[in-house]
Each structure stands twice: as structure tokens, then as C-alpha cells.
mmCIF file of all heavy atoms, coordinates in Angstrom:
data_MODEL
# 
_entry.id   MODEL 
# 
loop_
_atom_site.group_PDB 
_atom_site.id 
_atom_site.type_symbol 
_atom_site.label_atom_id 
_atom_site.label_alt_id 
_atom_site.label_comp_id 
_atom_site.label_asym_id 
_atom_site.label_entity_id 
_atom_site.label_seq_id 
_atom_site.pdbx_PDB_ins_code 
_atom_site.Cartn_x 
_atom_site.Cartn_y 
_atom_site.Cartn_z 
_atom_site.occupancy 
_atom_site.B_iso_or_equiv 
_atom_site.pdbx_formal_charge 
_atom_site.auth_seq_id 
_atom_site.auth_comp_id 
_atom_site.auth_asym_id 
_atom_site.auth_atom_id 
_atom_site.pdbx_PDB_model_num 
ATOM 1   N N   . ALA A 1 1  ? -5.911 -8.009  -5.780  1.00 0.00 ? 1  ALA A N   1 
ATOM 2   C CA  . ALA A 1 1  ? -4.635 -7.866  -6.501  1.00 0.00 ? 1  ALA A CA  1 
ATOM 3   C C   . ALA A 1 1  ? -4.477 -6.437  -7.034  1.00 0.00 ? 1  ALA A C   1 
ATOM 4   O O   . ALA A 1 1  ? -3.402 -5.831  -6.932  1.00 0.00 ? 1  ALA A O   1 
ATOM 5   C CB  . ALA A 1 1  ? -4.565 -8.869  -7.647  1.00 0.00 ? 1  ALA A CB  1 
ATOM 6   N N   . SER A 1 2  ? -5.570 -5.883  -7.598  1.00 0.00 ? 2  SER A N   1 
ATOM 7   C CA  . SER A 1 2  ? -5.510 -4.500  -8.087  1.00 0.00 ? 2  SER A CA  1 
ATOM 8   C C   . SER A 1 2  ? -5.350 -3.517  -6.931  1.00 0.00 ? 2  SER A C   1 
ATOM 9   O O   . SER A 1 2  ? -4.633 -2.516  -7.042  1.00 0.00 ? 2  SER A O   1 
ATOM 10  C CB  . SER A 1 2  ? -6.775 -4.168  -8.886  1.00 0.00 ? 2  SER A CB  1 
ATOM 11  O OG  . SER A 1 2  ? -6.833 -4.925  -10.072 1.00 0.00 ? 2  SER A OG  1 
ATOM 12  N N   . ILE A 1 3  ? -6.018 -3.803  -5.822  1.00 0.00 ? 3  ILE A N   1 
ATOM 13  C CA  . ILE A 1 3  ? -5.885 -2.932  -4.650  1.00 0.00 ? 3  ILE A CA  1 
ATOM 14  C C   . ILE A 1 3  ? -4.447 -2.936  -4.150  1.00 0.00 ? 3  ILE A C   1 
ATOM 15  O O   . ILE A 1 3  ? -3.884 -1.881  -3.817  1.00 0.00 ? 3  ILE A O   1 
ATOM 16  C CB  . ILE A 1 3  ? -6.861 -3.382  -3.551  1.00 0.00 ? 3  ILE A CB  1 
ATOM 17  C CG1 . ILE A 1 3  ? -8.307 -3.094  -3.981  1.00 0.00 ? 3  ILE A CG1 1 
ATOM 18  C CG2 . ILE A 1 3  ? -6.542 -2.697  -2.219  1.00 0.00 ? 3  ILE A CG2 1 
ATOM 19  C CD1 . ILE A 1 3  ? -9.358 -3.624  -3.032  1.00 0.00 ? 3  ILE A CD1 1 
ATOM 20  N N   . LEU A 1 4  ? -3.834 -4.109  -4.113  1.00 0.00 ? 4  LEU A N   1 
ATOM 21  C CA  . LEU A 1 4  ? -2.447 -4.208  -3.654  1.00 0.00 ? 4  LEU A CA  1 
ATOM 22  C C   . LEU A 1 4  ? -1.514 -3.441  -4.589  1.00 0.00 ? 4  LEU A C   1 
ATOM 23  O O   . LEU A 1 4  ? -0.592 -2.750  -4.130  1.00 0.00 ? 4  LEU A O   1 
ATOM 24  C CB  . LEU A 1 4  ? -2.034 -5.669  -3.536  1.00 0.00 ? 4  LEU A CB  1 
ATOM 25  C CG  . LEU A 1 4  ? -0.617 -5.935  -3.016  1.00 0.00 ? 4  LEU A CG  1 
ATOM 26  C CD1 . LEU A 1 4  ? -0.442 -5.333  -1.617  1.00 0.00 ? 4  LEU A CD1 1 
ATOM 27  C CD2 . LEU A 1 4  ? -0.323 -7.437  -2.998  1.00 0.00 ? 4  LEU A CD2 1 
ATOM 28  N N   . ARG A 1 5  ? -1.732 -3.548  -5.889  1.00 0.00 ? 5  ARG A N   1 
ATOM 29  C CA  . ARG A 1 5  ? -0.894 -2.802  -6.842  1.00 0.00 ? 5  ARG A CA  1 
ATOM 30  C C   . ARG A 1 5  ? -1.043 -1.293  -6.629  1.00 0.00 ? 5  ARG A C   1 
ATOM 31  O O   . ARG A 1 5  ? -0.058 -0.549  -6.702  1.00 0.00 ? 5  ARG A O   1 
ATOM 32  C CB  . ARG A 1 5  ? -1.265 -3.174  -8.284  1.00 0.00 ? 5  ARG A CB  1 
ATOM 33  C CG  . ARG A 1 5  ? -0.753 -4.529  -8.725  1.00 0.00 ? 5  ARG A CG  1 
ATOM 34  C CD  . ARG A 1 5  ? -0.840 -4.691  -10.230 1.00 0.00 ? 5  ARG A CD  1 
ATOM 35  N NE  . ARG A 1 5  ? -2.234 -4.669  -10.691 1.00 0.00 ? 5  ARG A NE  1 
ATOM 36  C CZ  . ARG A 1 5  ? -2.999 -5.746  -10.799 1.00 0.00 ? 5  ARG A CZ  1 
ATOM 37  N NH1 . ARG A 1 5  ? -2.508 -6.940  -10.460 1.00 0.00 ? 5  ARG A NH1 1 
ATOM 38  N NH2 . ARG A 1 5  ? -4.235 -5.661  -11.239 1.00 0.00 ? 5  ARG A NH2 1 
ATOM 39  N N   . ALA A 1 6  ? -2.264 -0.857  -6.364  1.00 0.00 ? 6  ALA A N   1 
ATOM 40  C CA  . ALA A 1 6  ? -2.478 0.577   -6.112  1.00 0.00 ? 6  ALA A CA  1 
ATOM 41  C C   . ALA A 1 6  ? -1.747 1.013   -4.842  1.00 0.00 ? 6  ALA A C   1 
ATOM 42  O O   . ALA A 1 6  ? -1.160 2.109   -4.798  1.00 0.00 ? 6  ALA A O   1 
ATOM 43  C CB  . ALA A 1 6  ? -3.965 0.878   -6.015  1.00 0.00 ? 6  ALA A CB  1 
ATOM 44  N N   . TYR A 1 7  ? -1.769 0.179   -3.817  1.00 0.00 ? 7  TYR A N   1 
ATOM 45  C CA  . TYR A 1 7  ? -1.033 0.510   -2.591  1.00 0.00 ? 7  TYR A CA  1 
ATOM 46  C C   . TYR A 1 7  ? 0.475  0.511   -2.828  1.00 0.00 ? 7  TYR A C   1 
ATOM 47  O O   . TYR A 1 7  ? 1.207  1.322   -2.236  1.00 0.00 ? 7  TYR A O   1 
ATOM 48  C CB  . TYR A 1 7  ? -1.390 -0.456  -1.464  1.00 0.00 ? 7  TYR A CB  1 
ATOM 49  C CG  . TYR A 1 7  ? -2.606 -0.041  -0.676  1.00 0.00 ? 7  TYR A CG  1 
ATOM 50  C CD1 . TYR A 1 7  ? -3.717 -0.874  -0.565  1.00 0.00 ? 7  TYR A CD1 1 
ATOM 51  C CD2 . TYR A 1 7  ? -2.649 1.195   -0.028  1.00 0.00 ? 7  TYR A CD2 1 
ATOM 52  C CE1 . TYR A 1 7  ? -4.840 -0.493  0.163   1.00 0.00 ? 7  TYR A CE1 1 
ATOM 53  C CE2 . TYR A 1 7  ? -3.768 1.578   0.696   1.00 0.00 ? 7  TYR A CE2 1 
ATOM 54  C CZ  . TYR A 1 7  ? -4.858 0.736   0.787   1.00 0.00 ? 7  TYR A CZ  1 
ATOM 55  O OH  . TYR A 1 7  ? -5.966 1.130   1.505   1.00 0.00 ? 7  TYR A OH  1 
ATOM 56  N N   . ASP A 1 8  ? 0.952  -0.397  -3.694  1.00 0.00 ? 8  ASP A N   1 
ATOM 57  C CA  . ASP A 1 8  ? 2.376  -0.384  -4.048  1.00 0.00 ? 8  ASP A CA  1 
ATOM 58  C C   . ASP A 1 8  ? 2.748  0.964   -4.676  1.00 0.00 ? 8  ASP A C   1 
ATOM 59  O O   . ASP A 1 8  ? 3.777  1.565   -4.327  1.00 0.00 ? 8  ASP A O   1 
ATOM 60  C CB  . ASP A 1 8  ? 2.694  -1.511  -5.026  1.00 0.00 ? 8  ASP A CB  1 
ATOM 61  C CG  . ASP A 1 8  ? 2.637  -2.888  -4.379  1.00 0.00 ? 8  ASP A CG  1 
ATOM 62  O OD1 . ASP A 1 8  ? 2.730  -2.959  -3.131  1.00 0.00 ? 8  ASP A OD1 1 
ATOM 63  O OD2 . ASP A 1 8  ? 2.487  -3.884  -5.108  1.00 0.00 ? 8  ASP A OD2 1 
ATOM 64  N N   . ASP A 1 9  ? 1.914  1.438   -5.602  1.00 0.00 ? 9  ASP A N   1 
ATOM 65  C CA  . ASP A 1 9  ? 2.169  2.731   -6.249  1.00 0.00 ? 9  ASP A CA  1 
ATOM 66  C C   . ASP A 1 9  ? 2.075  3.874   -5.232  1.00 0.00 ? 9  ASP A C   1 
ATOM 67  O O   . ASP A 1 9  ? 2.866  4.818   -5.274  1.00 0.00 ? 9  ASP A O   1 
ATOM 68  C CB  . ASP A 1 9  ? 1.167  2.965   -7.385  1.00 0.00 ? 9  ASP A CB  1 
ATOM 69  C CG  . ASP A 1 9  ? 1.356  1.997   -8.549  1.00 0.00 ? 9  ASP A CG  1 
ATOM 70  O OD1 . ASP A 1 9  ? 2.475  1.453   -8.681  1.00 0.00 ? 9  ASP A OD1 1 
ATOM 71  O OD2 . ASP A 1 9  ? 0.385  1.785   -9.306  1.00 0.00 ? 9  ASP A OD2 1 
ATOM 72  N N   . LEU A 1 10 ? 1.116  3.771   -4.339  1.00 0.00 ? 10 LEU A N   1 
ATOM 73  C CA  . LEU A 1 10 ? 0.927  4.805   -3.330  1.00 0.00 ? 10 LEU A CA  1 
ATOM 74  C C   . LEU A 1 10 ? 2.128  4.873   -2.389  1.00 0.00 ? 10 LEU A C   1 
ATOM 75  O O   . LEU A 1 10 ? 2.591  5.968   -2.023  1.00 0.00 ? 10 LEU A O   1 
ATOM 76  C CB  . LEU A 1 10 ? -0.350 4.507   -2.542  1.00 0.00 ? 10 LEU A CB  1 
ATOM 77  C CG  . LEU A 1 10 ? -0.958 5.617   -1.695  1.00 0.00 ? 10 LEU A CG  1 
ATOM 78  C CD1 . LEU A 1 10 ? -1.284 6.832   -2.536  1.00 0.00 ? 10 LEU A CD1 1 
ATOM 79  C CD2 . LEU A 1 10 ? -2.232 5.099   -1.007  1.00 0.00 ? 10 LEU A CD2 1 
ATOM 80  N N   . GLN A 1 11 ? 2.646  3.719   -2.024  1.00 0.00 ? 11 GLN A N   1 
ATOM 81  C CA  . GLN A 1 11 ? 3.809  3.677   -1.136  1.00 0.00 ? 11 GLN A CA  1 
ATOM 82  C C   . GLN A 1 11 ? 5.041  4.269   -1.810  1.00 0.00 ? 11 GLN A C   1 
ATOM 83  O O   . GLN A 1 11 ? 5.850  4.942   -1.160  1.00 0.00 ? 11 GLN A O   1 
ATOM 84  C CB  . GLN A 1 11 ? 4.081  2.231   -0.700  1.00 0.00 ? 11 GLN A CB  1 
ATOM 85  C CG  . GLN A 1 11 ? 5.207  2.055   0.298   1.00 0.00 ? 11 GLN A CG  1 
ATOM 86  C CD  . GLN A 1 11 ? 4.859  2.566   1.688   1.00 0.00 ? 11 GLN A CD  1 
ATOM 87  O OE1 . GLN A 1 11 ? 3.730  2.951   1.957   1.00 0.00 ? 11 GLN A OE1 1 
ATOM 88  N NE2 . GLN A 1 11 ? 5.843  2.594   2.568   1.00 0.00 ? 11 GLN A NE2 1 
ATOM 89  N N   . ARG A 1 12 ? 5.187  4.037   -3.118  1.00 0.00 ? 12 ARG A N   1 
ATOM 90  C CA  . ARG A 1 12 ? 6.312  4.626   -3.847  1.00 0.00 ? 12 ARG A CA  1 
ATOM 91  C C   . ARG A 1 12 ? 6.153  6.137   -3.980  1.00 0.00 ? 12 ARG A C   1 
ATOM 92  O O   . ARG A 1 12 ? 7.135  6.880   -3.931  1.00 0.00 ? 12 ARG A O   1 
ATOM 93  C CB  . ARG A 1 12 ? 6.442  3.991   -5.230  1.00 0.00 ? 12 ARG A CB  1 
ATOM 94  C CG  . ARG A 1 12 ? 7.055  2.600   -5.224  1.00 0.00 ? 12 ARG A CG  1 
ATOM 95  C CD  . ARG A 1 12 ? 7.391  2.147   -6.633  1.00 0.00 ? 12 ARG A CD  1 
ATOM 96  N NE  . ARG A 1 12 ? 6.192  1.890   -7.418  1.00 0.00 ? 12 ARG A NE  1 
ATOM 97  C CZ  . ARG A 1 12 ? 5.598  0.707   -7.515  1.00 0.00 ? 12 ARG A CZ  1 
ATOM 98  N NH1 . ARG A 1 12 ? 6.090  -0.333  -6.841  1.00 0.00 ? 12 ARG A NH1 1 
ATOM 99  N NH2 . ARG A 1 12 ? 4.524  0.544   -8.253  1.00 0.00 ? 12 ARG A NH2 1 
ATOM 100 N N   . LEU A 1 13 ? 4.913  6.591   -4.158  1.00 0.00 ? 13 LEU A N   1 
ATOM 101 C CA  . LEU A 1 13 ? 4.654  8.013   -4.369  1.00 0.00 ? 13 LEU A CA  1 
ATOM 102 C C   . LEU A 1 13 ? 4.823  8.818   -3.090  1.00 0.00 ? 13 LEU A C   1 
ATOM 103 O O   . LEU A 1 13 ? 5.495  9.864   -3.075  1.00 0.00 ? 13 LEU A O   1 
ATOM 104 C CB  . LEU A 1 13 ? 3.237  8.202   -4.925  1.00 0.00 ? 13 LEU A CB  1 
ATOM 105 C CG  . LEU A 1 13 ? 2.846  9.597   -5.402  1.00 0.00 ? 13 LEU A CG  1 
ATOM 106 C CD1 . LEU A 1 13 ? 3.759  10.048  -6.543  1.00 0.00 ? 13 LEU A CD1 1 
ATOM 107 C CD2 . LEU A 1 13 ? 1.389  9.603   -5.868  1.00 0.00 ? 13 LEU A CD2 1 
ATOM 108 N N   . THR A 1 14 ? 4.219  8.363   -2.000  1.00 0.00 ? 14 THR A N   1 
ATOM 109 C CA  . THR A 1 14 ? 4.311  9.057   -0.700  1.00 0.00 ? 14 THR A CA  1 
ATOM 110 C C   . THR A 1 14 ? 4.478  8.022   0.409   1.00 0.00 ? 14 THR A C   1 
ATOM 111 O O   . THR A 1 14 ? 3.502  7.670   1.090   1.00 0.00 ? 14 THR A O   1 
ATOM 112 C CB  . THR A 1 14 ? 3.057  9.919   -0.422  1.00 0.00 ? 14 THR A CB  1 
ATOM 113 O OG1 . THR A 1 14 ? 1.886  9.094   -0.553  1.00 0.00 ? 14 THR A OG1 1 
ATOM 114 C CG2 . THR A 1 14 ? 2.965  11.087  -1.365  1.00 0.00 ? 14 THR A CG2 1 
ATOM 115 N N   . PRO A 1 15 ? 5.679  7.520   0.605   1.00 0.00 ? 15 PRO A N   1 
ATOM 116 C CA  . PRO A 1 15 ? 5.884  6.483   1.627   1.00 0.00 ? 15 PRO A CA  1 
ATOM 117 C C   . PRO A 1 15 ? 5.550  6.993   3.023   1.00 0.00 ? 15 PRO A C   1 
ATOM 118 O O   . PRO A 1 15 ? 5.943  8.093   3.411   1.00 0.00 ? 15 PRO A O   1 
ATOM 119 C CB  . PRO A 1 15 ? 7.375  6.153   1.499   1.00 0.00 ? 15 PRO A CB  1 
ATOM 120 C CG  . PRO A 1 15 ? 7.988  7.338   0.831   1.00 0.00 ? 15 PRO A CG  1 
ATOM 121 C CD  . PRO A 1 15 ? 6.932  7.892   -0.073  1.00 0.00 ? 15 PRO A CD  1 
ATOM 122 N N   . SER A 1 16 ? 4.783  6.198   3.754   1.00 0.00 ? 16 SER A N   1 
ATOM 123 C CA  . SER A 1 16 ? 4.437  6.538   5.136   1.00 0.00 ? 16 SER A CA  1 
ATOM 124 C C   . SER A 1 16 ? 4.038  5.257   5.856   1.00 0.00 ? 16 SER A C   1 
ATOM 125 O O   . SER A 1 16 ? 3.599  4.289   5.222   1.00 0.00 ? 16 SER A O   1 
ATOM 126 C CB  . SER A 1 16 ? 3.283  7.538   5.174   1.00 0.00 ? 16 SER A CB  1 
ATOM 127 O OG  . SER A 1 16 ? 2.041  6.896   4.991   1.00 0.00 ? 16 SER A OG  1 
ATOM 128 N N   . PRO A 1 17 ? 4.182  5.213   7.177   1.00 0.00 ? 17 PRO A N   1 
ATOM 129 C CA  . PRO A 1 17 ? 3.789  4.006   7.920   1.00 0.00 ? 17 PRO A CA  1 
ATOM 130 C C   . PRO A 1 17 ? 2.301  3.721   7.858   1.00 0.00 ? 17 PRO A C   1 
ATOM 131 O O   . PRO A 1 17 ? 1.888  2.559   7.930   1.00 0.00 ? 17 PRO A O   1 
ATOM 132 C CB  . PRO A 1 17 ? 4.242  4.305   9.353   1.00 0.00 ? 17 PRO A CB  1 
ATOM 133 C CG  . PRO A 1 17 ? 4.414  5.786   9.424   1.00 0.00 ? 17 PRO A CG  1 
ATOM 134 C CD  . PRO A 1 17 ? 4.807  6.223   8.052   1.00 0.00 ? 17 PRO A CD  1 
ATOM 135 N N   . VAL A 1 18 ? 1.461  4.762   7.724   1.00 0.00 ? 18 VAL A N   1 
ATOM 136 C CA  . VAL A 1 18 ? 0.011  4.536   7.633   1.00 0.00 ? 18 VAL A CA  1 
ATOM 137 C C   . VAL A 1 18 ? -0.323 3.837   6.317   1.00 0.00 ? 18 VAL A C   1 
ATOM 138 O O   . VAL A 1 18 ? -1.141 2.906   6.278   1.00 0.00 ? 18 VAL A O   1 
ATOM 139 C CB  . VAL A 1 18 ? -0.755 5.865   7.761   1.00 0.00 ? 18 VAL A CB  1 
ATOM 140 C CG1 . VAL A 1 18 ? -2.244 5.643   7.520   1.00 0.00 ? 18 VAL A CG1 1 
ATOM 141 C CG2 . VAL A 1 18 ? -0.535 6.468   9.140   1.00 0.00 ? 18 VAL A CG2 1 
ATOM 142 N N   . ILE A 1 19 ? 0.299  4.274   5.233   1.00 0.00 ? 19 ILE A N   1 
ATOM 143 C CA  . ILE A 1 19 ? 0.081  3.603   3.948   1.00 0.00 ? 19 ILE A CA  1 
ATOM 144 C C   . ILE A 1 19 ? 0.598  2.167   4.021   1.00 0.00 ? 19 ILE A C   1 
ATOM 145 O O   . ILE A 1 19 ? -0.036 1.241   3.499   1.00 0.00 ? 19 ILE A O   1 
ATOM 146 C CB  . ILE A 1 19 ? 0.765  4.384   2.808   1.00 0.00 ? 19 ILE A CB  1 
ATOM 147 C CG1 . ILE A 1 19 ? 0.063  5.733   2.613   1.00 0.00 ? 19 ILE A CG1 1 
ATOM 148 C CG2 . ILE A 1 19 ? 0.732  3.581   1.505   1.00 0.00 ? 19 ILE A CG2 1 
ATOM 149 C CD1 . ILE A 1 19 ? 0.743  6.632   1.606   1.00 0.00 ? 19 ILE A CD1 1 
ATOM 150 N N   . ALA A 1 20 ? 1.752  1.971   4.669   1.00 0.00 ? 20 ALA A N   1 
ATOM 151 C CA  . ALA A 1 20 ? 2.290  0.618   4.826   1.00 0.00 ? 20 ALA A CA  1 
ATOM 152 C C   . ALA A 1 20 ? 1.315  -0.265  5.592   1.00 0.00 ? 20 ALA A C   1 
ATOM 153 O O   . ALA A 1 20 ? 1.145  -1.452  5.265   1.00 0.00 ? 20 ALA A O   1 
ATOM 154 C CB  . ALA A 1 20 ? 3.643  0.677   5.533   1.00 0.00 ? 20 ALA A CB  1 
ATOM 155 N N   . LEU A 1 21 ? 0.655  0.291   6.594   1.00 0.00 ? 21 LEU A N   1 
ATOM 156 C CA  . LEU A 1 21 ? -0.346 -0.463  7.353   1.00 0.00 ? 21 LEU A CA  1 
ATOM 157 C C   . LEU A 1 21 ? -1.513 -0.871  6.458   1.00 0.00 ? 21 LEU A C   1 
ATOM 158 O O   . LEU A 1 21 ? -1.924 -2.044  6.453   1.00 0.00 ? 21 LEU A O   1 
ATOM 159 C CB  . LEU A 1 21 ? -0.846 0.392   8.526   1.00 0.00 ? 21 LEU A CB  1 
ATOM 160 C CG  . LEU A 1 21 ? -2.112 -0.079  9.245   1.00 0.00 ? 21 LEU A CG  1 
ATOM 161 C CD1 . LEU A 1 21 ? -1.924 -1.457  9.833   1.00 0.00 ? 21 LEU A CD1 1 
ATOM 162 C CD2 . LEU A 1 21 ? -2.505 0.926   10.331  1.00 0.00 ? 21 LEU A CD2 1 
ATOM 163 N N   . ASN A 1 22 ? -2.051 0.089   5.707   1.00 0.00 ? 22 ASN A N   1 
ATOM 164 C CA  . ASN A 1 22 ? -3.176 -0.233  4.827   1.00 0.00 ? 22 ASN A CA  1 
ATOM 165 C C   . ASN A 1 22 ? -2.779 -1.226  3.737   1.00 0.00 ? 22 ASN A C   1 
ATOM 166 O O   . ASN A 1 22 ? -3.570 -2.100  3.358   1.00 0.00 ? 22 ASN A O   1 
ATOM 167 C CB  . ASN A 1 22 ? -3.718 1.051   4.203   1.00 0.00 ? 22 ASN A CB  1 
ATOM 168 C CG  . ASN A 1 22 ? -4.368 1.954   5.234   1.00 0.00 ? 22 ASN A CG  1 
ATOM 169 O OD1 . ASN A 1 22 ? -4.937 1.475   6.210   1.00 0.00 ? 22 ASN A OD1 1 
ATOM 170 N ND2 . ASN A 1 22 ? -4.267 3.257   5.039   1.00 0.00 ? 22 ASN A ND2 1 
ATOM 171 N N   . ARG A 1 23 ? -1.557 -1.090  3.249   1.00 0.00 ? 23 ARG A N   1 
ATOM 172 C CA  . ARG A 1 23 ? -1.068 -2.035  2.237   1.00 0.00 ? 23 ARG A CA  1 
ATOM 173 C C   . ARG A 1 23 ? -0.971 -3.438  2.831   1.00 0.00 ? 23 ARG A C   1 
ATOM 174 O O   . ARG A 1 23 ? -1.292 -4.435  2.168   1.00 0.00 ? 23 ARG A O   1 
ATOM 175 C CB  . ARG A 1 23 ? 0.307  -1.592  1.720   1.00 0.00 ? 23 ARG A CB  1 
ATOM 176 C CG  . ARG A 1 23 ? 0.903  -2.539  0.684   1.00 0.00 ? 23 ARG A CG  1 
ATOM 177 C CD  . ARG A 1 23 ? 2.298  -2.121  0.252   1.00 0.00 ? 23 ARG A CD  1 
ATOM 178 N NE  . ARG A 1 23 ? 2.862  -3.117  -0.644  1.00 0.00 ? 23 ARG A NE  1 
ATOM 179 C CZ  . ARG A 1 23 ? 3.491  -4.212  -0.254  1.00 0.00 ? 23 ARG A CZ  1 
ATOM 180 N NH1 . ARG A 1 23 ? 3.638  -4.459  1.059   1.00 0.00 ? 23 ARG A NH1 1 
ATOM 181 N NH2 . ARG A 1 23 ? 3.973  -5.074  -1.137  1.00 0.00 ? 23 ARG A NH2 1 
ATOM 182 N N   . ALA A 1 24 ? -0.557 -3.529  4.095   1.00 0.00 ? 24 ALA A N   1 
ATOM 183 C CA  . ALA A 1 24 ? -0.429 -4.837  4.740   1.00 0.00 ? 24 ALA A CA  1 
ATOM 184 C C   . ALA A 1 24 ? -1.780 -5.531  4.857   1.00 0.00 ? 24 ALA A C   1 
ATOM 185 O O   . ALA A 1 24 ? -1.872 -6.754  4.720   1.00 0.00 ? 24 ALA A O   1 
ATOM 186 C CB  . ALA A 1 24 ? 0.206  -4.676  6.120   1.00 0.00 ? 24 ALA A CB  1 
ATOM 187 N N   . VAL A 1 25 ? -2.833 -4.752  5.092   1.00 0.00 ? 25 VAL A N   1 
ATOM 188 C CA  . VAL A 1 25 ? -4.181 -5.338  5.169   1.00 0.00 ? 25 VAL A CA  1 
ATOM 189 C C   . VAL A 1 25 ? -4.555 -5.967  3.837   1.00 0.00 ? 25 VAL A C   1 
ATOM 190 O O   . VAL A 1 25 ? -5.117 -7.078  3.775   1.00 0.00 ? 25 VAL A O   1 
ATOM 191 C CB  . VAL A 1 25 ? -5.204 -4.256  5.574   1.00 0.00 ? 25 VAL A CB  1 
ATOM 192 C CG1 . VAL A 1 25 ? -6.623 -4.819  5.507   1.00 0.00 ? 25 VAL A CG1 1 
ATOM 193 C CG2 . VAL A 1 25 ? -4.905 -3.749  6.982   1.00 0.00 ? 25 VAL A CG2 1 
ATOM 194 N N   . ALA A 1 26 ? -4.228 -5.261  2.735   1.00 0.00 ? 26 ALA A N   1 
ATOM 195 C CA  . ALA A 1 26 ? -4.501 -5.818  1.407   1.00 0.00 ? 26 ALA A CA  1 
ATOM 196 C C   . ALA A 1 26 ? -3.615 -7.026  1.128   1.00 0.00 ? 26 ALA A C   1 
ATOM 197 O O   . ALA A 1 26 ? -4.058 -8.021  0.542   1.00 0.00 ? 26 ALA A O   1 
ATOM 198 C CB  . ALA A 1 26 ? -4.291 -4.737  0.342   1.00 0.00 ? 26 ALA A CB  1 
ATOM 199 N N   . LEU A 1 27 ? -2.356 -6.946  1.554   1.00 0.00 ? 27 LEU A N   1 
ATOM 200 C CA  . LEU A 1 27 ? -1.428 -8.052  1.341   1.00 0.00 ? 27 LEU A CA  1 
ATOM 201 C C   . LEU A 1 27 ? -1.912 -9.315  2.052   1.00 0.00 ? 27 LEU A C   1 
ATOM 202 O O   . LEU A 1 27 ? -1.750 -10.436 1.532   1.00 0.00 ? 27 LEU A O   1 
ATOM 203 C CB  . LEU A 1 27 ? -0.040 -7.654  1.852   1.00 0.00 ? 27 LEU A CB  1 
ATOM 204 C CG  . LEU A 1 27 ? 1.086  -8.664  1.628   1.00 0.00 ? 27 LEU A CG  1 
ATOM 205 C CD1 . LEU A 1 27 ? 1.354  -8.840  0.138   1.00 0.00 ? 27 LEU A CD1 1 
ATOM 206 C CD2 . LEU A 1 27 ? 2.355  -8.205  2.335   1.00 0.00 ? 27 LEU A CD2 1 
ATOM 207 N N   . ALA A 1 28 ? -2.520 -9.152  3.221   1.00 0.00 ? 28 ALA A N   1 
ATOM 208 C CA  . ALA A 1 28 ? -3.037 -10.314 3.951   1.00 0.00 ? 28 ALA A CA  1 
ATOM 209 C C   . ALA A 1 28 ? -4.111 -11.033 3.156   1.00 0.00 ? 28 ALA A C   1 
ATOM 210 O O   . ALA A 1 28 ? -4.241 -12.271 3.261   1.00 0.00 ? 28 ALA A O   1 
ATOM 211 C CB  . ALA A 1 28 ? -3.594 -9.861  5.307   1.00 0.00 ? 28 ALA A CB  1 
# 
């Protein structure tokens, strides 16, 4: 849950498809 929140912040800070991919792994 904390990892996903960090990826949410990361995606807002510097949106990119690679970050979206890593966030999806955490979301799974």
C-alpha cells in the first residue's frame, strides 16, 4: 500500500509510461 502511494506521487511528479508500468506491478 505504501509502495503504491509512492508510485502515485511519482506518477504525478514525472508522468511516464515506465513509471505507469512499475505502478501497475504494485497495483496488482
